[in-house]
């Protein structure tokens, strides 16, 4: 996606998910097909983890008609109701409100709703109001804070009092835990416990996954504000490397081969697809 953006195949901007993959995969692995998920503008990981075909995601990112939303949602606002993704939200904290609302429906239907959001959203009004409401109403919502240490360009510790976001949920009486967000097995175990508890009509749960994004906030952010050596330290704990170390070499090589082929095929298919017809019509009207 980064290379495609630099080739101007992705318009606007794009928020990459590299470094945080274990959070989406681990949490979504605990869900059933009819559960709901609300994600952030970094929602590509959640979309794939919920089962969106890579071809549909790649096409959507490039604004093609074969994309999950017909090429009209772009990078930040993907929706895929077929796979339980009720939306990716560019508004900080928007996913919290969306999942809480979905939790009201889920309570009647035996489903669970999950909200993915960053540490910066913990200081938004959405966070406090929705968690309080969900706890009072005993809604089946699992709140997953992807704490990557930065709210856009600002270190989390510089703007977040107390330092422990999970503790905020715990003060409401909500089961809350902090996990290594770069360890797939740790995230999966925490998610299974939280989802099982929530599905048993025990009310909402909270997971704070400690992780790190390998690139800047968006494609216009070079990440120059990060202390020297910080990225290198986290790259040693790349979630893909952590998982790979638990596989034998043959398993790892085969998995990488399959994934690389699938990605190449998805990109080729997307590049060959047309843009949405209405957009093409407008482009012709305004062409010199």
C-alpha atoms as a PDB file:
ATOM      1  CA  UNK A   1       0.000   0.000   0.000  1.00  0.00           C
ATOM      2  CA  UNK A   2       2.878   2.344   0.707  1.00  0.00           C
ATOM      3  CA  UNK A   3       4.382   1.746  -2.728  1.00  0.00           C
ATOM      4  CA  UNK A   4       0.985   2.171  -4.399  1.00  0.00           C
ATOM      5  CA  UNK A   5       0.459   5.465  -2.581  1.00  0.00           C
ATOM      6  CA  UNK A   6       3.828   6.751  -3.780  1.00  0.00           C
ATOM      7  CA  UNK A   7       2.767   5.812  -7.330  1.00  0.00           C
ATOM      8  CA  UNK A   8      -0.388   7.929  -6.868  1.00  0.00           C
ATOM      9  CA  UNK A   9      -2.642   4.880  -7.120  1.00  0.00           C
ATOM     10  CA  UNK A  10      -4.143   5.687  -3.691  1.00  0.00           C
ATOM     11  CA  UNK A  11      -5.591   9.188  -3.468  1.00  0.00           C
ATOM     12  CA  UNK A  12      -5.800  11.389  -0.416  1.00  0.00           C
ATOM     13  CA  UNK A  13      -3.809   9.695   2.312  1.00  0.00           C
ATOM     14  CA  UNK A  14      -3.457   6.261   3.854  1.00  0.00           C
ATOM     15  CA  UNK A  15      -2.877   5.151   7.444  1.00  0.00           C
ATOM     16  CA  UNK A  16      -0.800   1.977   7.497  1.00  0.00           C
ATOM     17  CA  UNK A  17      -1.272  -0.768  10.073  1.00  0.00           C
ATOM     18  CA  UNK A  18       2.235  -2.250  10.084  1.00  0.00           C
ATOM     19  CA  UNK A  19       3.329  -3.206  13.597  1.00  0.00           C
ATOM     20  CA  UNK A  20      -0.154  -3.637  15.031  1.00  0.00           C
ATOM     21  CA  UNK A  21      -1.391  -6.686  13.117  1.00  0.00           C
ATOM     22  CA  UNK A  22      -1.555  -8.984  16.155  1.00  0.00           C
ATOM     23  CA  UNK A  23      -4.219  -6.790  17.749  1.00  0.00           C
ATOM     24  CA  UNK A  24      -6.794  -7.067  14.962  1.00  0.00           C
ATOM     25  CA  UNK A  25      -6.040 -10.713  14.175  1.00  0.00           C
ATOM     26  CA  UNK A  26      -5.977 -11.774  17.814  1.00  0.00           C
ATOM     27  CA  UNK A  27      -9.199 -10.049  18.781  1.00  0.00           C
ATOM     28  CA  UNK A  28     -11.141 -10.985  15.667  1.00  0.00           C
ATOM     29  CA  UNK A  29     -10.104 -14.622  16.086  1.00  0.00           C
ATOM     30  CA  UNK A  30     -12.371 -14.751  19.147  1.00  0.00           C
ATOM     31  CA  UNK A  31     -15.475 -13.566  17.269  1.00  0.00           C
ATOM     32  CA  UNK A  32     -18.277 -15.366  15.476  1.00  0.00           C
ATOM     33  CA  UNK A  33     -19.278 -14.547  11.906  1.00  0.00           C
ATOM     34  CA  UNK A  34     -22.310 -12.491  12.948  1.00  0.00           C
ATOM     35  CA  UNK A  35     -20.521 -10.338  15.539  1.00  0.00           C
ATOM     36  CA  UNK A  36     -19.918  -6.647  14.820  1.00  0.00           C
ATOM     37  CA  UNK A  37     -16.660  -4.687  14.584  1.00  0.00           C
ATOM     38  CA  UNK A  38     -16.041  -0.943  14.400  1.00  0.00           C
ATOM     39  CA  UNK A  39     -12.512   0.166  13.520  1.00  0.00           C
ATOM     40  CA  UNK A  40     -10.453   3.308  13.024  1.00  0.00           C
ATOM     41  CA  UNK A  41      -8.958   4.965   9.946  1.00  0.00           C
ATOM     42  CA  UNK A  42      -6.263   2.274  10.326  1.00  0.00           C
ATOM     43  CA  UNK A  43      -8.984  -0.297   9.756  1.00  0.00           C
ATOM     44  CA  UNK A  44      -7.309  -2.339   7.010  1.00  0.00           C
ATOM     45  CA  UNK A  45      -6.115  -4.885   9.565  1.00  0.00           C
ATOM     46  CA  UNK A  46      -9.561  -5.315  11.071  1.00  0.00           C
ATOM     47  CA  UNK A  47     -11.129  -5.607   7.611  1.00  0.00           C
ATOM     48  CA  UNK A  48      -8.817  -8.461   6.620  1.00  0.00           C
ATOM     49  CA  UNK A  49      -9.114 -10.125  10.018  1.00  0.00           C
ATOM     50  CA  UNK A  50     -12.902 -10.142   9.669  1.00  0.00           C
ATOM     51  CA  UNK A  51     -12.626 -11.919   6.324  1.00  0.00           C
ATOM     52  CA  UNK A  52     -12.780  -9.166   3.727  1.00  0.00           C
ATOM     53  CA  UNK A  53     -11.112 -10.513   0.558  1.00  0.00           C
ATOM     54  CA  UNK A  54      -7.777  -8.766  -0.109  1.00  0.00           C
ATOM     55  CA  UNK A  55      -8.974  -8.080  -3.661  1.00  0.00           C
ATOM     56  CA  UNK A  56     -11.950  -6.080  -2.354  1.00  0.00           C
ATOM     57  CA  UNK A  57      -9.778  -4.158   0.114  1.00  0.00           C
ATOM     58  CA  UNK A  58      -7.045  -3.325  -2.403  1.00  0.00           C
ATOM     59  CA  UNK A  59      -9.607  -2.148  -4.946  1.00  0.00           C
ATOM     60  CA  UNK A  60     -11.333   0.032  -2.359  1.00  0.00           C
ATOM     61  CA  UNK A  61      -8.070   1.650  -1.296  1.00  0.00           C
ATOM     62  CA  UNK A  62      -7.394   2.493  -4.932  1.00  0.00           C
ATOM     63  CA  UNK A  63     -10.908   3.801  -5.536  1.00  0.00           C
ATOM     64  CA  UNK A  64     -11.922   1.105  -8.003  1.00  0.00           C
ATOM     65  CA  UNK A  65     -15.476  -0.050  -8.673  1.00  0.00           C
ATOM     66  CA  UNK A  66     -14.730  -3.608  -7.510  1.00  0.00           C
ATOM     67  CA  UNK A  67     -13.840  -2.374  -4.030  1.00  0.00           C
ATOM     68  CA  UNK A  68     -15.805  -3.302  -0.923  1.00  0.00           C
ATOM     69  CA  UNK A  69     -17.741  -0.019  -1.155  1.00  0.00           C
ATOM     70  CA  UNK A  70     -17.596   0.393  -4.905  1.00  0.00           C
ATOM     71  CA  UNK A  71     -14.476   2.540  -4.682  1.00  0.00           C
ATOM     72  CA  UNK A  72     -16.239   5.389  -2.884  1.00  0.00           C
ATOM     73  CA  UNK A  73     -15.085   4.895   0.720  1.00  0.00           C
ATOM     74  CA  UNK A  74     -11.349   5.072   0.112  1.00  0.00           C
ATOM     75  CA  UNK A  75      -8.831   4.240   2.822  1.00  0.00           C
ATOM     76  CA  UNK A  76     -10.449   5.593   5.981  1.00  0.00           C
ATOM     77  CA  UNK A  77     -14.165   4.787   5.810  1.00  0.00           C
ATOM     78  CA  UNK A  78     -14.508   1.176   4.701  1.00  0.00           C
ATOM     79  CA  UNK A  79     -17.723  -0.712   5.492  1.00  0.00           C
ATOM     80  CA  UNK A  80     -18.351  -4.429   4.943  1.00  0.00           C
ATOM     81  CA  UNK A  81     -21.559  -5.558   6.604  1.00  0.00           C
ATOM     82  CA  UNK A  82     -21.266  -9.009   5.042  1.00  0.00           C
ATOM     83  CA  UNK A  83     -18.244  -9.621   7.234  1.00  0.00           C
ATOM     84  CA  UNK A  84     -19.508  -7.734  10.281  1.00  0.00           C
ATOM     85  CA  UNK A  85     -17.474  -4.553   9.748  1.00  0.00           C
ATOM     86  CA  UNK A  86     -19.921  -1.761  10.508  1.00  0.00           C
ATOM     87  CA  UNK A  87     -17.378   0.874   9.596  1.00  0.00           C
ATOM     88  CA  UNK A  88     -13.929   2.403   9.831  1.00  0.00           C
ATOM     89  CA  UNK A  89     -14.101   5.898  11.276  1.00  0.00           C
ATOM     90  CA  UNK A  90     -11.896   8.896  10.569  1.00  0.00           C
ATOM     91  CA  UNK A  91     -13.248  10.736  13.611  1.00  0.00           C
ATOM     92  CA  UNK A  92     -11.120   9.923  16.653  1.00  0.00           C
ATOM     93  CA  UNK A  93     -13.286   7.858  18.978  1.00  0.00           C
ATOM     94  CA  UNK A  94     -16.040   7.405  16.408  1.00  0.00           C
ATOM     95  CA  UNK A  95     -15.608   3.643  16.511  1.00  0.00           C
ATOM     96  CA  UNK A  96     -16.335   3.643  20.240  1.00  0.00           C
ATOM     97  CA  UNK A  97     -19.732   5.257  19.728  1.00  0.00           C
ATOM     98  CA  UNK A  98     -20.544   3.044  16.726  1.00  0.00           C
ATOM     99  CA  UNK A  99     -19.758  -0.182  18.572  1.00  0.00           C
ATOM    100  CA  UNK A 100     -21.708   0.962  21.617  1.00  0.00           C
ATOM    101  CA  UNK A 101     -24.723   1.605  19.427  1.00  0.00           C
ATOM    102  CA  UNK A 102     -24.255  -1.770  17.770  1.00  0.00           C
ATOM    103  CA  UNK A 103     -24.080  -3.256  21.255  1.00  0.00           C
ATOM    104  CA  UNK A 104     -27.673  -2.200  21.874  1.00  0.00           C
ATOM    105  CA  UNK A 105     -28.744  -4.281  18.896  1.00  0.00           C
ATOM    106  CA  UNK A 106     -26.310  -7.069  19.741  1.00  0.00           C
ATOM    107  CA  UNK A 107     -27.839  -7.435  23.197  1.00  0.00           C
ATOM    108  CA  UNK A 108     -31.151  -8.456  21.595  1.00  0.00           C
ATOM    109  CA  UNK A 109     -29.580 -10.753  19.016  1.00  0.00           C
ATOM    110  CA  UNK A 110     -26.997 -12.655  21.028  1.00  0.00           C
ATOM    111  CA  UNK A 111     -24.087 -10.942  19.286  1.00  0.00           C
ATOM    112  CA  UNK A 112     -20.980  -9.143  20.511  1.00  0.00           C
ATOM    113  CA  UNK A 113     -19.719  -5.778  19.254  1.00  0.00           C
ATOM    114  CA  UNK A 114     -16.046  -4.782  19.297  1.00  0.00           C
ATOM    115  CA  UNK A 115     -14.560  -1.286  19.134  1.00  0.00           C
ATOM    116  CA  UNK A 116     -10.967  -0.777  18.006  1.00  0.00           C
ATOM    117  CA  UNK A 117      -9.527   2.648  18.843  1.00  0.00           C
ATOM    118  CA  UNK A 118      -6.219   4.301  19.624  1.00  0.00           C
ATOM    119  CA  UNK A 119      -4.838   5.658  22.858  1.00  0.00           C
ATOM    120  CA  UNK A 120      -5.650   9.207  21.756  1.00  0.00           C
ATOM    121  CA  UNK A 121      -9.360   8.364  21.781  1.00  0.00           C
ATOM    122  CA  UNK A 122      -9.156   7.616  25.513  1.00  0.00           C
ATOM    123  CA  UNK A 123      -9.165  11.371  26.115  1.00  0.00           C
ATOM    124  CA  UNK A 124     -12.269  12.005  24.023  1.00  0.00           C
ATOM    125  CA  UNK A 125     -15.763  12.408  25.400  1.00  0.00           C
ATOM    126  CA  UNK A 126     -16.858   9.352  23.396  1.00  0.00           C
ATOM    127  CA  UNK A 127     -14.655   7.164  25.572  1.00  0.00           C
ATOM    128  CA  UNK A 128     -16.035   8.185  28.959  1.00  0.00           C
ATOM    129  CA  UNK A 129     -19.680   8.513  27.966  1.00  0.00           C
ATOM    130  CA  UNK A 130     -19.890   5.287  25.977  1.00  0.00           C
ATOM    131  CA  UNK A 131     -18.039   3.120  28.492  1.00  0.00           C
ATOM    132  CA  UNK A 132     -20.214   4.429  31.293  1.00  0.00           C
ATOM    133  CA  UNK A 133     -23.388   3.859  29.253  1.00  0.00           C
ATOM    134  CA  UNK A 134     -22.328   0.342  28.224  1.00  0.00           C
ATOM    135  CA  UNK A 135     -21.537  -0.622  31.798  1.00  0.00           C
ATOM    136  CA  UNK A 136     -24.814   0.750  33.146  1.00  0.00           C
ATOM    137  CA  UNK A 137     -26.798  -0.989  30.396  1.00  0.00           C
ATOM    138  CA  UNK A 138     -24.653  -4.174  30.534  1.00  0.00           C
ATOM    139  CA  UNK A 139     -24.101  -4.069  26.779  1.00  0.00           C
ATOM    140  CA  UNK A 140     -22.124  -6.860  25.054  1.00  0.00           C
ATOM    141  CA  UNK A 141     -19.276  -4.654  23.846  1.00  0.00           C
ATOM    142  CA  UNK A 142     -15.539  -5.345  23.995  1.00  0.00           C
ATOM    143  CA  UNK A 143     -13.479  -2.153  23.873  1.00  0.00           C
ATOM    144  CA  UNK A 144      -9.976  -2.662  22.445  1.00  0.00           C
ATOM    145  CA  UNK A 145      -7.516   0.192  22.905  1.00  0.00           C
ATOM    146  CA  UNK A 146      -4.587  -0.130  20.491  1.00  0.00           C
ATOM    147  CA  UNK A 147      -2.057   1.805  22.557  1.00  0.00           C
ATOM    148  CA  UNK A 148       0.800   2.471  20.135  1.00  0.00           C
ATOM    149  CA  UNK A 149       2.345   5.180  22.271  1.00  0.00           C
ATOM    150  CA  UNK A 150       1.321   8.148  20.146  1.00  0.00           C
ATOM    151  CA  UNK A 151      -1.814  10.151  19.494  1.00  0.00           C
ATOM    152  CA  UNK A 152      -0.878  11.150  15.942  1.00  0.00           C
ATOM    153  CA  UNK A 153       2.397  13.011  16.686  1.00  0.00           C
ATOM    154  CA  UNK A 154       2.083  13.397  20.473  1.00  0.00           C
ATOM    155  CA  UNK A 155       3.462  10.864  22.994  1.00  0.00           C
ATOM    156  CA  UNK A 156       0.612   9.295  24.933  1.00  0.00           C
ATOM    157  CA  UNK A 157       2.248   9.913  28.296  1.00  0.00           C
ATOM    158  CA  UNK A 158       2.392  13.657  27.602  1.00  0.00           C
ATOM    159  CA  UNK A 159      -1.386  14.018  27.336  1.00  0.00           C
ATOM    160  CA  UNK A 160      -2.869  11.082  29.256  1.00  0.00           C
ATOM    161  CA  UNK A 161      -3.144  11.435  33.022  1.00  0.00           C
ATOM    162  CA  UNK A 162      -2.571   8.327  35.079  1.00  0.00           C
ATOM    163  CA  UNK A 163      -0.777   6.462  32.308  1.00  0.00           C
ATOM    164  CA  UNK A 164      -2.939   3.345  32.562  1.00  0.00           C
ATOM    165  CA  UNK A 165      -5.890   3.481  30.194  1.00  0.00           C
ATOM    166  CA  UNK A 166      -7.215   0.050  31.220  1.00  0.00           C
ATOM    167  CA  UNK A 167      -7.504   1.350  34.780  1.00  0.00           C
ATOM    168  CA  UNK A 168     -10.047   3.908  33.598  1.00  0.00           C
ATOM    169  CA  UNK A 169     -12.368   1.129  32.492  1.00  0.00           C
ATOM    170  CA  UNK A 170     -11.732  -0.792  35.714  1.00  0.00           C
ATOM    171  CA  UNK A 171     -12.970   2.143  37.805  1.00  0.00           C
ATOM    172  CA  UNK A 172     -16.355   1.649  36.136  1.00  0.00           C
ATOM    173  CA  UNK A 173     -16.448  -1.950  37.331  1.00  0.00           C
ATOM    174  CA  UNK A 174     -15.639  -3.240  33.853  1.00  0.00           C
ATOM    175  CA  UNK A 175     -13.298  -6.254  33.497  1.00  0.00           C
ATOM    176  CA  UNK A 176     -10.121  -4.746  32.067  1.00  0.00           C
ATOM    177  CA  UNK A 177      -6.730  -6.145  31.165  1.00  0.00           C
ATOM    178  CA  UNK A 178      -3.492  -4.929  29.605  1.00  0.00           C
ATOM    179  CA  UNK A 179      -1.724  -7.267  27.184  1.00  0.00           C
ATOM    180  CA  UNK A 180       1.332  -7.438  24.934  1.00  0.00           C
ATOM    181  CA  UNK A 181      -0.244  -6.249  21.700  1.00  0.00           C
ATOM    182  CA  UNK A 182       2.631  -7.621  19.616  1.00  0.00           C
ATOM    183  CA  UNK A 183       2.094 -11.196  20.799  1.00  0.00           C
ATOM    184  CA  UNK A 184      -0.704 -12.830  18.815  1.00  0.00           C
ATOM    185  CA  UNK A 185      -1.213 -15.614  21.331  1.00  0.00           C
ATOM    186  CA  UNK A 186      -1.446 -13.175  24.245  1.00  0.00           C
ATOM    187  CA  UNK A 187      -3.980 -11.012  22.414  1.00  0.00           C
ATOM    188  CA  UNK A 188      -6.022 -14.048  21.349  1.00  0.00           C
ATOM    189  CA  UNK A 189      -6.154 -15.393  24.906  1.00  0.00           C
ATOM    190  CA  UNK A 190      -7.266 -12.032  26.277  1.00  0.00           C
ATOM    191  CA  UNK A 191      -9.878 -11.675  23.535  1.00  0.00           C
ATOM    192  CA  UNK A 192     -11.311 -15.148  24.093  1.00  0.00           C
ATOM    193  CA  UNK A 193     -11.742 -14.454  27.802  1.00  0.00           C
ATOM    194  CA  UNK A 194     -13.268 -11.012  27.228  1.00  0.00           C
ATOM    195  CA  UNK A 195     -15.643 -12.131  24.465  1.00  0.00           C
ATOM    196  CA  UNK A 196     -16.771 -15.230  26.382  1.00  0.00           C
ATOM    197  CA  UNK A 197     -17.507 -13.141  29.461  1.00  0.00           C
ATOM    198  CA  UNK A 198     -19.340 -10.531  27.430  1.00  0.00           C
ATOM    199  CA  UNK A 199     -21.319 -13.078  25.432  1.00  0.00           C
ATOM    200  CA  UNK A 200     -22.505 -14.643  28.682  1.00  0.00           C
ATOM    201  CA  UNK A 201     -24.488 -11.438  29.299  1.00  0.00           C
ATOM    202  CA  UNK A 202     -21.971 -10.210  31.838  1.00  0.00           C
ATOM    203  CA  UNK A 203     -21.623  -6.768  30.275  1.00  0.00           C
ATOM    204  CA  UNK A 204     -18.758  -4.998  28.519  1.00  0.00           C
ATOM    205  CA  UNK A 205     -15.045  -5.739  28.776  1.00  0.00           C
ATOM    206  CA  UNK A 206     -11.878  -3.780  28.048  1.00  0.00           C
ATOM    207  CA  UNK A 207      -8.501  -4.707  26.542  1.00  0.00           C
ATOM    208  CA  UNK A 208      -5.529  -2.378  26.329  1.00  0.00           C
ATOM    209  CA  UNK A 209      -3.074  -3.810  23.796  1.00  0.00           C
ATOM    210  CA  UNK A 210       0.403  -2.311  24.055  1.00  0.00           C
ATOM    211  CA  UNK A 211       1.824  -2.050  20.538  1.00  0.00           C
ATOM    212  CA  UNK A 212       3.640   0.288  18.136  1.00  0.00           C
ATOM    213  CA  UNK A 213       3.173   1.549  14.593  1.00  0.00           C
ATOM    214  CA  UNK A 214       6.232   1.145  12.408  1.00  0.00           C
ATOM    215  CA  UNK A 215       5.556   4.227  10.299  1.00  0.00           C
ATOM    216  CA  UNK A 216       4.195   7.722  10.844  1.00  0.00           C
ATOM    217  CA  UNK A 217       0.576   8.483  11.581  1.00  0.00           C
ATOM    218  CA  UNK A 218      -0.214   9.002   7.903  1.00  0.00           C
ATOM    219  CA  UNK A 219       1.712   9.223   4.664  1.00  0.00           C
ATOM    220  CA  UNK A 220       2.466  12.914   5.326  1.00  0.00           C
ATOM    221  CA  UNK A 221       4.140  12.043   8.648  1.00  0.00           C
ATOM    222  CA  UNK A 222       7.816  10.964   8.534  1.00  0.00           C
ATOM    223  CA  UNK A 223       7.805  10.159  12.259  1.00  0.00           C
ATOM    224  CA  UNK A 224      10.778  12.450  12.965  1.00  0.00           C
ATOM    225  CA  UNK A 225       9.499  13.145  16.495  1.00  0.00           C
ATOM    226  CA  UNK A 226      10.336   9.624  17.691  1.00  0.00           C
ATOM    227  CA  UNK A 227      13.417   9.275  19.927  1.00  0.00           C
ATOM    228  CA  UNK A 228      16.462   7.739  18.289  1.00  0.00           C
ATOM    229  CA  UNK A 229      16.482   3.953  18.618  1.00  0.00           C
ATOM    230  CA  UNK A 230      12.827   3.642  19.654  1.00  0.00           C
ATOM    231  CA  UNK A 231      11.677   2.198  16.342  1.00  0.00           C
ATOM    232  CA  UNK A 232      14.577  -0.263  16.236  1.00  0.00           C
ATOM    233  CA  UNK A 233      13.626  -1.535  19.677  1.00  0.00           C
ATOM    234  CA  UNK A 234      10.060  -2.168  18.620  1.00  0.00           C
ATOM    235  CA  UNK A 235      11.048  -3.734  15.312  1.00  0.00           C
ATOM    236  CA  UNK A 236      12.701  -6.473  17.354  1.00  0.00           C
ATOM    237  CA  UNK A 237       9.199  -7.220  18.625  1.00  0.00           C
ATOM    238  CA  UNK A 238       7.491  -7.050  15.229  1.00  0.00           C
ATOM    239  CA  UNK A 239       4.317  -9.156  15.656  1.00  0.00           C
ATOM    240  CA  UNK A 240       5.052 -11.020  12.414  1.00  0.00           C
ATOM    241  CA  UNK A 241       8.508 -11.936  13.684  1.00  0.00           C
ATOM    242  CA  UNK A 242       7.085 -13.060  17.019  1.00  0.00           C
ATOM    243  CA  UNK A 243       4.676 -15.419  15.267  1.00  0.00           C
ATOM    244  CA  UNK A 244       7.266 -16.582  12.757  1.00  0.00           C
ATOM    245  CA  UNK A 245       9.639 -17.641  15.546  1.00  0.00           C
ATOM    246  CA  UNK A 246       6.999 -20.106  16.749  1.00  0.00           C
ATOM    247  CA  UNK A 247       6.754 -21.837  13.380  1.00  0.00           C
ATOM    248  CA  UNK A 248       9.242 -24.167  11.816  1.00  0.00           C
ATOM    249  CA  UNK A 249      11.091 -22.812   8.799  1.00  0.00           C
ATOM    250  CA  UNK A 250       9.062 -24.803   6.299  1.00  0.00           C
ATOM    251  CA  UNK A 251       5.751 -23.562   7.744  1.00  0.00           C
ATOM    252  CA  UNK A 252       6.941 -19.970   7.770  1.00  0.00           C
ATOM    253  CA  UNK A 253       8.265 -20.063   4.213  1.00  0.00           C
ATOM    254  CA  UNK A 254       5.064 -21.587   2.875  1.00  0.00           C
ATOM    255  CA  UNK A 255       2.891 -19.056   4.711  1.00  0.00           C
ATOM    256  CA  UNK A 256       4.937 -16.173   3.313  1.00  0.00           C
ATOM    257  CA  UNK A 257       4.749 -17.577  -0.209  1.00  0.00           C
ATOM    258  CA  UNK A 258       0.972 -17.951  -0.089  1.00  0.00           C
ATOM    259  CA  UNK A 259       0.457 -14.472   1.350  1.00  0.00           C
ATOM    260  CA  UNK A 260       2.793 -12.753  -1.103  1.00  0.00           C
ATOM    261  CA  UNK A 261       1.075 -14.417  -4.054  1.00  0.00           C
ATOM    262  CA  UNK A 262      -2.344 -13.434  -2.734  1.00  0.00           C
ATOM    263  CA  UNK A 263      -1.269  -9.819  -2.266  1.00  0.00           C
ATOM    264  CA  UNK A 264       0.229  -9.598  -5.743  1.00  0.00           C
ATOM    265  CA  UNK A 265      -2.922 -11.079  -7.254  1.00  0.00           C
ATOM    266  CA  UNK A 266      -5.138  -8.690  -5.288  1.00  0.00           C
ATOM    267  CA  UNK A 267      -3.168  -5.647  -6.400  1.00  0.00           C
ATOM    268  CA  UNK A 268      -3.065  -6.736 -10.042  1.00  0.00           C
ATOM    269  CA  UNK A 269      -6.823  -7.360 -10.028  1.00  0.00           C
ATOM    270  CA  UNK A 270      -7.510  -3.988  -8.432  1.00  0.00           C
ATOM    271  CA  UNK A 271      -5.293  -2.081 -10.855  1.00  0.00           C
ATOM    272  CA  UNK A 272      -7.105  -3.665 -13.772  1.00  0.00           C
ATOM    273  CA  UNK A 273     -10.548  -2.699 -12.440  1.00  0.00           C
ATOM    274  CA  UNK A 274     -12.352   0.472 -13.612  1.00  0.00           C
ATOM    275  CA  UNK A 275     -13.109   3.509 -11.513  1.00  0.00           C
ATOM    276  CA  UNK A 276     -16.768   4.036 -10.500  1.00  0.00           C
ATOM    277  CA  UNK A 277     -18.759   5.168 -13.523  1.00  0.00           C
ATOM    278  CA  UNK A 278     -20.107   8.354 -11.935  1.00  0.00           C
ATOM    279  CA  UNK A 279     -16.596   9.471 -11.087  1.00  0.00           C
ATOM    280  CA  UNK A 280     -15.489   8.741 -14.637  1.00  0.00           C
ATOM    281  CA  UNK A 281     -18.409  10.763 -16.001  1.00  0.00           C
ATOM    282  CA  UNK A 282     -17.481  13.794 -13.885  1.00  0.00           C
ATOM    283  CA  UNK A 283     -13.839  13.453 -14.906  1.00  0.00           C
ATOM    284  CA  UNK A 284     -14.854  13.541 -18.587  1.00  0.00           C
ATOM    285  CA  UNK A 285     -17.069  16.577 -18.006  1.00  0.00           C
ATOM    286  CA  UNK A 286     -14.245  18.577 -16.439  1.00  0.00           C
ATOM    287  CA  UNK A 287     -11.477  17.296 -18.695  1.00  0.00           C
ATOM    288  CA  UNK A 288      -9.833  20.057 -20.803  1.00  0.00           C
END
